[in-house]
Protein backbone atom coordinates (compact mmCIF):
# COMPACT_ATOMS: atom_id res chain seq x y z
CA UNK A 1 -17.45 4.40 -8.38
CA UNK A 2 -18.79 6.14 -5.29
CA UNK A 3 -17.78 3.88 -2.43
CA UNK A 4 -17.03 4.70 1.16
CA UNK A 5 -13.72 4.02 2.87
CA UNK A 6 -15.26 1.10 4.80
CA UNK A 7 -16.51 -0.50 1.57
CA UNK A 8 -13.01 -0.26 0.07
CA UNK A 9 -11.47 -1.78 3.22
CA UNK A 10 -13.87 -4.73 2.93
CA UNK A 11 -12.45 -5.45 -0.55
CA UNK A 12 -9.02 -6.30 0.93
CA UNK A 13 -8.44 -10.07 0.87
CA UNK A 14 -5.54 -12.44 1.58
CA UNK A 15 -4.37 -12.00 -2.02
CA UNK A 16 -4.19 -8.19 -1.77
CA UNK A 17 -0.81 -6.47 -2.04
CA UNK A 18 -0.71 -2.94 -0.63
CA UNK A 19 1.95 -0.56 -1.94
CA UNK A 20 2.56 2.80 -0.31
CA UNK A 21 4.54 5.54 -2.05
CA UNK A 22 5.97 8.62 -0.33
CA UNK A 23 6.34 11.30 -2.99
CA UNK A 24 8.96 13.88 -2.00
CA UNK A 25 10.72 16.67 -3.87
CA UNK A 26 13.96 14.80 -4.61
CA UNK A 27 13.63 11.19 -3.42
CA UNK A 28 10.54 8.94 -3.57
CA UNK A 29 10.22 5.81 -1.43
CA UNK A 30 7.91 2.81 -2.03
CA UNK A 31 7.09 -0.06 0.34
CA UNK A 32 4.89 -3.15 -0.02
CA UNK A 33 2.91 -4.98 2.66
CA UNK A 34 0.38 -7.77 2.80
CA UNK A 35 -3.21 -7.48 4.00
CA UNK A 36 -2.14 -7.98 7.64
CA UNK A 37 0.28 -5.07 7.45
CA UNK A 38 3.38 -7.29 7.39
CA UNK A 39 6.14 -5.48 5.49
CA UNK A 40 7.44 -7.31 2.42
CA UNK A 41 11.04 -6.71 1.43
CA UNK A 42 12.92 -3.48 1.86
CA UNK A 43 11.71 -0.03 0.86
CA UNK A 44 12.95 1.13 -2.52
CA UNK A 45 14.05 4.66 -3.38
CA UNK A 46 13.29 6.11 -6.77
């Protein structure tokens, strides 16, 4: 799939869950947010 960043952004809907993961050397942290950018829950460390 060869899509541009703008095309991928247009695929985000009200039912989209966005999960960001910070990968570090010793401790990884994940956080979820909805399509508006509202944070859901607390970040989790792995």
